[in-house]
Amino acid sequence: MSGSTSRSSRYGEKPDPGVRRLALLPGIIATIALFVGVTTLDEGAFVVVRYIVAIFAAIVIVFAVQAKQWWWLPFLAAVVVLWQPVWIISIGGPLWQGLQYAACLLFLLAGWFIKVPIPEDQRDPQRRR
């Protein structure tokens, strides 16, 4: 294999320069918080996890709307409702722990697949002022 083979041609897909994965970092942060939350389910520190997860779910919702990927909204809205710390919905035991892991998977998938289009005026760096 020659050294000049680009990554896009090697794997058969070309990266789209017209989109950004803006939901990836918030999804990773929320996933880390959820993994920490599994260890603190019955402690007072879990309130902090609830805030982090609910806020980052709302942020990912904004990016899903910008990307016009509406199918993520019901799942992410459910995360906002279940993890919000103001009116706590009491779910306990293995179900809540399973929901933690399901939300981890949701955040990682949403972060990877939500691609926000770059505005035309920001695509060409020479056109910036």
N, C-alpha and C. Protein backbone atom coordinates (compact mmCIF):
# COMPACT_ATOMS: atom_id res chain seq x y z
N MET A 1 0.84 -1.18 0.00
CA MET A 1 0.00 0.00 0.00
C MET A 1 0.88 1.24 0.00
N SER A 2 0.60 2.16 -0.80
CA SER A 2 1.45 3.34 -0.91
C SER A 2 1.16 4.32 0.21
N GLY A 3 2.12 5.14 0.51
CA GLY A 3 1.97 6.11 1.58
C GLY A 3 1.07 7.27 1.21
N SER A 4 0.75 7.41 -0.07
CA SER A 4 -0.07 8.54 -0.50
C SER A 4 -1.57 8.23 -0.44
N THR A 5 -1.92 7.02 -0.01
CA THR A 5 -3.34 6.67 0.06
C THR A 5 -3.99 7.48 1.17
N SER A 6 -5.00 8.21 0.82
CA SER A 6 -5.67 9.03 1.82
C SER A 6 -6.63 8.17 2.62
N ARG A 7 -6.97 8.64 3.79
CA ARG A 7 -7.85 7.90 4.67
C ARG A 7 -9.23 7.72 4.04
N SER A 8 -9.70 8.74 3.34
CA SER A 8 -11.04 8.66 2.76
C SER A 8 -11.11 7.59 1.68
N SER A 9 -10.07 7.45 0.88
CA SER A 9 -10.12 6.44 -0.17
C SER A 9 -9.84 5.05 0.39
N ARG A 10 -9.07 4.96 1.44
CA ARG A 10 -8.74 3.67 2.03
C ARG A 10 -9.97 3.00 2.63
N TYR A 11 -10.84 3.76 3.28
CA TYR A 11 -12.01 3.18 3.93
C TYR A 11 -13.28 3.33 3.10
N GLY A 12 -13.18 3.89 1.93
CA GLY A 12 -14.32 3.94 1.03
C GLY A 12 -15.29 5.07 1.28
N GLU A 13 -15.06 5.90 2.26
CA GLU A 13 -15.96 7.01 2.49
C GLU A 13 -15.17 8.30 2.57
N LYS A 14 -15.77 9.33 2.07
CA LYS A 14 -15.10 10.63 2.11
C LYS A 14 -15.73 11.46 3.20
N PRO A 15 -14.92 12.10 4.02
CA PRO A 15 -15.50 12.96 5.05
C PRO A 15 -16.21 14.14 4.40
N ASP A 16 -17.35 14.49 4.95
CA ASP A 16 -18.12 15.60 4.42
C ASP A 16 -17.63 16.90 5.04
N PRO A 17 -16.97 17.76 4.26
CA PRO A 17 -16.46 19.02 4.84
C PRO A 17 -17.56 20.02 5.14
N GLY A 18 -18.79 19.70 4.80
CA GLY A 18 -19.88 20.64 5.01
C GLY A 18 -20.65 20.41 6.30
N VAL A 19 -20.18 19.50 7.16
CA VAL A 19 -20.88 19.24 8.43
C VAL A 19 -19.87 19.14 9.57
N ARG A 20 -20.40 19.32 10.78
CA ARG A 20 -19.61 19.16 12.00
C ARG A 20 -20.38 18.27 12.96
N ARG A 21 -19.66 17.50 13.75
CA ARG A 21 -20.28 16.66 14.80
C ARG A 21 -20.25 17.43 16.11
N LEU A 22 -21.09 18.44 16.22
CA LEU A 22 -21.10 19.30 17.40
C LEU A 22 -21.67 18.62 18.63
N ALA A 23 -22.47 17.57 18.45
CA ALA A 23 -23.09 16.88 19.58
C ALA A 23 -22.18 15.83 20.20
N LEU A 24 -21.02 15.59 19.59
CA LEU A 24 -20.16 14.52 20.07
C LEU A 24 -19.57 14.82 21.45
N LEU A 25 -19.01 15.98 21.65
CA LEU A 25 -18.41 16.31 22.95
C LEU A 25 -19.46 16.36 24.07
N PRO A 26 -20.61 17.02 23.87
CA PRO A 26 -21.62 16.96 24.93
C PRO A 26 -22.09 15.53 25.21
N GLY A 27 -22.16 14.71 24.16
CA GLY A 27 -22.55 13.31 24.36
C GLY A 27 -21.54 12.54 25.17
N ILE A 28 -20.26 12.79 24.93
CA ILE A 28 -19.20 12.11 25.69
C ILE A 28 -19.20 12.57 27.15
N ILE A 29 -19.36 13.86 27.37
CA ILE A 29 -19.40 14.38 28.74
C ILE A 29 -20.58 13.79 29.50
N ALA A 30 -21.75 13.74 28.86
CA ALA A 30 -22.92 13.16 29.52
C ALA A 30 -22.71 11.68 29.79
N THR A 31 -22.06 10.97 28.88
CA THR A 31 -21.79 9.56 29.08
C THR A 31 -20.88 9.34 30.28
N ILE A 32 -19.85 10.15 30.41
CA ILE A 32 -18.96 10.05 31.56
C ILE A 32 -19.74 10.31 32.85
N ALA A 33 -20.60 11.33 32.84
CA ALA A 33 -21.41 11.63 34.02
C ALA A 33 -22.34 10.47 34.35
N LEU A 34 -22.90 9.83 33.33
CA LEU A 34 -23.78 8.69 33.58
C LEU A 34 -23.03 7.51 34.17
N PHE A 35 -21.81 7.26 33.69
CA PHE A 35 -21.01 6.18 34.27
C PHE A 35 -20.66 6.47 35.73
N VAL A 36 -20.35 7.72 36.02
CA VAL A 36 -20.11 8.10 37.42
C VAL A 36 -21.40 7.96 38.21
N GLY A 37 -22.52 8.31 37.59
CA GLY A 37 -23.81 8.23 38.26
C GLY A 37 -24.21 6.82 38.65
N VAL A 38 -23.75 5.83 37.91
CA VAL A 38 -24.06 4.44 38.26
C VAL A 38 -23.48 4.11 39.63
N THR A 39 -22.34 4.69 39.95
CA THR A 39 -21.71 4.41 41.24
C THR A 39 -22.29 5.23 42.37
N THR A 40 -23.02 6.29 42.07
CA THR A 40 -23.56 7.16 43.11
C THR A 40 -25.07 7.22 43.11
N LEU A 41 -25.73 6.16 42.66
CA LEU A 41 -27.20 6.19 42.53
C LEU A 41 -27.90 6.51 43.85
N ASP A 42 -27.43 6.01 44.95
CA ASP A 42 -28.13 6.18 46.22
C ASP A 42 -27.52 7.27 47.09
N GLU A 43 -26.68 8.10 46.53
CA GLU A 43 -26.01 9.14 47.31
C GLU A 43 -26.50 10.52 46.89
N GLY A 44 -26.19 11.49 47.71
CA GLY A 44 -26.59 12.87 47.42
C GLY A 44 -25.88 13.45 46.22
N ALA A 45 -24.70 12.91 45.87
CA ALA A 45 -23.95 13.41 44.72
C ALA A 45 -24.65 13.12 43.40
N PHE A 46 -25.62 12.24 43.42
CA PHE A 46 -26.32 11.91 42.18
C PHE A 46 -27.11 13.10 41.64
N VAL A 47 -27.43 14.07 42.51
CA VAL A 47 -28.14 15.27 42.06
C VAL A 47 -27.28 16.04 41.05
N VAL A 48 -25.98 16.07 41.28
CA VAL A 48 -25.07 16.74 40.35
C VAL A 48 -25.09 16.01 39.01
N VAL A 49 -25.10 14.68 39.05
CA VAL A 49 -25.17 13.88 37.82
C VAL A 49 -26.46 14.19 37.07
N ARG A 50 -27.56 14.32 37.81
CA ARG A 50 -28.85 14.65 37.17
C ARG A 50 -28.77 15.98 36.43
N TYR A 51 -28.20 16.99 37.06
CA TYR A 51 -28.05 18.29 36.41
C TYR A 51 -27.22 18.18 35.13
N ILE A 52 -26.07 17.52 35.24
CA ILE A 52 -25.18 17.41 34.09
C ILE A 52 -25.86 16.71 32.93
N VAL A 53 -26.51 15.58 33.22
CA VAL A 53 -27.14 14.78 32.15
C VAL A 53 -28.30 15.54 31.53
N ALA A 54 -29.13 16.18 32.34
CA ALA A 54 -30.29 16.90 31.80
C ALA A 54 -29.84 18.09 30.95
N ILE A 55 -28.84 18.82 31.41
CA ILE A 55 -28.36 19.98 30.66
C ILE A 55 -27.74 19.56 29.33
N PHE A 56 -26.90 18.53 29.36
CA PHE A 56 -26.26 18.10 28.12
C PHE A 56 -27.25 17.43 27.16
N ALA A 57 -28.29 16.82 27.69
CA ALA A 57 -29.34 16.29 26.81
C ALA A 57 -30.04 17.43 26.09
N ALA A 58 -30.28 18.52 26.80
CA ALA A 58 -30.91 19.69 26.17
C ALA A 58 -29.98 20.29 25.11
N ILE A 59 -28.69 20.30 25.37
CA ILE A 59 -27.73 20.82 24.39
C ILE A 59 -27.73 19.95 23.13
N VAL A 60 -27.75 18.63 23.32
CA VAL A 60 -27.76 17.73 22.17
C VAL A 60 -29.07 17.88 21.40
N ILE A 61 -30.17 18.17 22.09
CA ILE A 61 -31.44 18.43 21.40
C ILE A 61 -31.30 19.63 20.46
N VAL A 62 -30.63 20.68 20.92
CA VAL A 62 -30.44 21.86 20.07
C VAL A 62 -29.68 21.48 18.80
N PHE A 63 -28.62 20.68 18.95
CA PHE A 63 -27.85 20.26 17.78
C PHE A 63 -28.66 19.35 16.87
N ALA A 64 -29.52 18.50 17.44
CA ALA A 64 -30.37 17.64 16.62
C ALA A 64 -31.37 18.47 15.82
N VAL A 65 -31.89 19.53 16.41
CA VAL A 65 -32.81 20.41 15.69
C VAL A 65 -32.06 21.15 14.58
N GLN A 66 -30.84 21.63 14.86
CA GLN A 66 -30.05 22.30 13.84
C GLN A 66 -29.72 21.37 12.68
N ALA A 67 -29.52 20.08 12.99
CA ALA A 67 -29.21 19.11 11.94
C ALA A 67 -30.47 18.57 11.26
N LYS A 68 -31.63 18.98 11.74
CA LYS A 68 -32.93 18.52 11.23
C LYS A 68 -33.06 17.00 11.32
N GLN A 69 -32.56 16.45 12.42
CA GLN A 69 -32.68 15.03 12.70
C GLN A 69 -33.67 14.86 13.85
N TRP A 70 -34.95 14.95 13.52
CA TRP A 70 -36.03 15.02 14.49
C TRP A 70 -36.22 13.72 15.28
N TRP A 71 -35.79 12.60 14.75
CA TRP A 71 -36.05 11.32 15.40
C TRP A 71 -35.30 11.19 16.73
N TRP A 72 -34.30 12.02 16.98
CA TRP A 72 -33.60 11.98 18.26
C TRP A 72 -34.38 12.68 19.36
N LEU A 73 -35.29 13.57 19.00
CA LEU A 73 -35.94 14.43 19.99
C LEU A 73 -36.74 13.68 21.05
N PRO A 74 -37.56 12.68 20.71
CA PRO A 74 -38.32 12.01 21.79
C PRO A 74 -37.41 11.32 22.80
N PHE A 75 -36.33 10.71 22.33
CA PHE A 75 -35.43 9.99 23.23
C PHE A 75 -34.66 10.95 24.13
N LEU A 76 -34.15 12.02 23.52
CA LEU A 76 -33.40 12.99 24.31
C LEU A 76 -34.32 13.78 25.25
N ALA A 77 -35.54 14.05 24.82
CA ALA A 77 -36.49 14.73 25.71
C ALA A 77 -36.85 13.84 26.90
N ALA A 78 -36.94 12.54 26.67
CA ALA A 78 -37.19 11.60 27.78
C ALA A 78 -36.03 11.64 28.78
N VAL A 79 -34.81 11.76 28.28
CA VAL A 79 -33.66 11.86 29.18
C VAL A 79 -33.74 13.15 29.99
N VAL A 80 -34.10 14.26 29.35
CA VAL A 80 -34.24 15.52 30.07
C VAL A 80 -35.28 15.38 31.17
N VAL A 81 -36.41 14.77 30.88
CA VAL A 81 -37.48 14.64 31.86
C VAL A 81 -37.09 13.69 32.99
N LEU A 82 -36.50 12.56 32.66
CA LEU A 82 -36.17 11.57 33.69
C LEU A 82 -35.00 12.00 34.58
N TRP A 83 -34.05 12.75 34.04
CA TRP A 83 -32.86 13.10 34.81
C TRP A 83 -32.92 14.51 35.40
N GLN A 84 -33.94 15.29 35.09
CA GLN A 84 -34.00 16.64 35.65
C GLN A 84 -34.15 16.53 37.18
N PRO A 85 -33.44 17.41 37.91
CA PRO A 85 -33.43 17.29 39.37
C PRO A 85 -34.50 18.08 40.11
N VAL A 86 -35.36 18.79 39.41
CA VAL A 86 -36.34 19.64 40.08
C VAL A 86 -37.52 18.81 40.60
N TRP A 87 -38.19 18.09 39.72
CA TRP A 87 -39.26 17.19 40.13
C TRP A 87 -38.78 15.77 39.84
N ILE A 88 -38.22 15.17 40.83
CA ILE A 88 -37.57 13.87 40.66
C ILE A 88 -38.61 12.79 40.43
N ILE A 89 -38.42 12.06 39.37
CA ILE A 89 -39.25 10.89 39.08
C ILE A 89 -38.57 9.70 39.73
N SER A 90 -39.27 9.08 40.63
CA SER A 90 -38.68 8.02 41.44
C SER A 90 -38.70 6.68 40.69
N ILE A 91 -37.53 6.29 40.21
CA ILE A 91 -37.34 4.98 39.59
C ILE A 91 -36.17 4.36 40.32
N GLY A 92 -36.33 3.16 40.78
CA GLY A 92 -35.25 2.58 41.56
C GLY A 92 -34.79 1.23 41.04
N GLY A 93 -33.73 0.79 41.66
CA GLY A 93 -33.24 -0.56 41.41
C GLY A 93 -32.62 -0.77 40.05
N PRO A 94 -32.76 -2.00 39.57
CA PRO A 94 -32.11 -2.36 38.31
C PRO A 94 -32.66 -1.60 37.09
N LEU A 95 -33.92 -1.18 37.14
CA LEU A 95 -34.48 -0.43 36.02
C LEU A 95 -33.74 0.89 35.83
N TRP A 96 -33.51 1.60 36.94
CA TRP A 96 -32.82 2.89 36.85
C TRP A 96 -31.38 2.70 36.39
N GLN A 97 -30.73 1.64 36.88
CA GLN A 97 -29.36 1.37 36.44
C GLN A 97 -29.34 1.02 34.95
N GLY A 98 -30.32 0.27 34.49
CA GLY A 98 -30.41 -0.05 33.06
C GLY A 98 -30.65 1.19 32.22
N LEU A 99 -31.47 2.11 32.75
CA LEU A 99 -31.71 3.37 32.04
C LEU A 99 -30.43 4.21 31.95
N GLN A 100 -29.60 4.13 32.97
CA GLN A 100 -28.32 4.85 32.93
C GLN A 100 -27.49 4.36 31.74
N TYR A 101 -27.39 3.04 31.59
CA TYR A 101 -26.59 2.49 30.49
C TYR A 101 -27.24 2.75 29.13
N ALA A 102 -28.56 2.69 29.07
CA ALA A 102 -29.26 2.98 27.82
C ALA A 102 -29.03 4.44 27.41
N ALA A 103 -29.04 5.35 28.39
CA ALA A 103 -28.78 6.76 28.10
C ALA A 103 -27.34 6.97 27.63
N CYS A 104 -26.41 6.19 28.19
CA CYS A 104 -25.01 6.26 27.71
C CYS A 104 -24.95 5.94 26.22
N LEU A 105 -25.59 4.84 25.85
CA LEU A 105 -25.60 4.43 24.45
C LEU A 105 -26.29 5.49 23.58
N LEU A 106 -27.39 6.04 24.06
CA LEU A 106 -28.10 7.08 23.31
C LEU A 106 -27.21 8.29 23.07
N PHE A 107 -26.51 8.75 24.09
CA PHE A 107 -25.64 9.92 23.94
C PHE A 107 -24.50 9.65 22.96
N LEU A 108 -23.91 8.48 23.04
CA LEU A 108 -22.81 8.18 22.12
C LEU A 108 -23.29 8.08 20.67
N LEU A 109 -24.43 7.43 20.47
CA LEU A 109 -24.97 7.31 19.11
C LEU A 109 -25.41 8.68 18.57
N ALA A 110 -26.08 9.44 19.40
CA ALA A 110 -26.52 10.77 18.96
C ALA A 110 -25.32 11.65 18.65
N GLY A 111 -24.31 11.60 19.50
CA GLY A 111 -23.11 12.41 19.27
C GLY A 111 -22.42 12.06 17.97
N TRP A 112 -22.43 10.79 17.62
CA TRP A 112 -21.75 10.37 16.39
C TRP A 112 -22.58 10.67 15.15
N PHE A 113 -23.89 10.46 15.21
CA PHE A 113 -24.71 10.55 14.01
C PHE A 113 -25.32 11.93 13.76
N ILE A 114 -25.38 12.78 14.76
CA ILE A 114 -25.92 14.13 14.54
C ILE A 114 -24.82 14.98 13.93
N LYS A 115 -25.05 15.40 12.70
CA LYS A 115 -24.08 16.22 11.97
C LYS A 115 -24.74 17.54 11.60
N VAL A 116 -24.23 18.61 12.18
CA VAL A 116 -24.79 19.93 11.96
C VAL A 116 -24.14 20.54 10.73
N PRO A 117 -24.93 21.01 9.76
CA PRO A 117 -24.35 21.63 8.57
C PRO A 117 -23.61 22.93 8.90
N ILE A 118 -22.50 23.13 8.22
CA ILE A 118 -21.73 24.36 8.38
C ILE A 118 -22.33 25.41 7.45
N PRO A 119 -22.59 26.61 7.95
CA PRO A 119 -23.13 27.66 7.06
C PRO A 119 -22.16 27.95 5.91
N GLU A 120 -22.71 28.32 4.79
CA GLU A 120 -21.90 28.56 3.58
C GLU A 120 -20.79 29.58 3.81
N ASP A 121 -21.07 30.63 4.56
CA ASP A 121 -20.05 31.66 4.75
C ASP A 121 -18.90 31.20 5.64
N GLN A 122 -19.04 30.07 6.31
CA GLN A 122 -17.97 29.56 7.16
C GLN A 122 -17.21 28.39 6.52
N ARG A 123 -17.62 27.94 5.37
CA ARG A 123 -16.97 26.79 4.74
C ARG A 123 -15.63 27.13 4.12
N ASP A 124 -15.51 28.29 3.52
CA ASP A 124 -14.27 28.68 2.85
C ASP A 124 -13.52 29.64 3.78
N PRO A 125 -12.36 29.22 4.32
CA PRO A 125 -11.66 30.08 5.27
C PRO A 125 -11.16 31.40 4.65
N GLN A 126 -11.02 31.48 3.36
CA GLN A 126 -10.55 32.73 2.73
C GLN A 126 -11.65 33.77 2.64
N ARG A 127 -12.90 33.36 2.79
CA ARG A 127 -14.01 34.30 2.72
C ARG A 127 -14.29 34.95 4.07
N ARG A 128 -13.68 34.44 5.15
CA ARG A 128 -13.91 35.01 6.49
C ARG A 128 -13.32 36.41 6.57
N ARG A 129 -13.90 37.20 7.41
CA ARG A 129 -13.44 38.57 7.58
C ARG A 129 -12.91 38.78 8.94
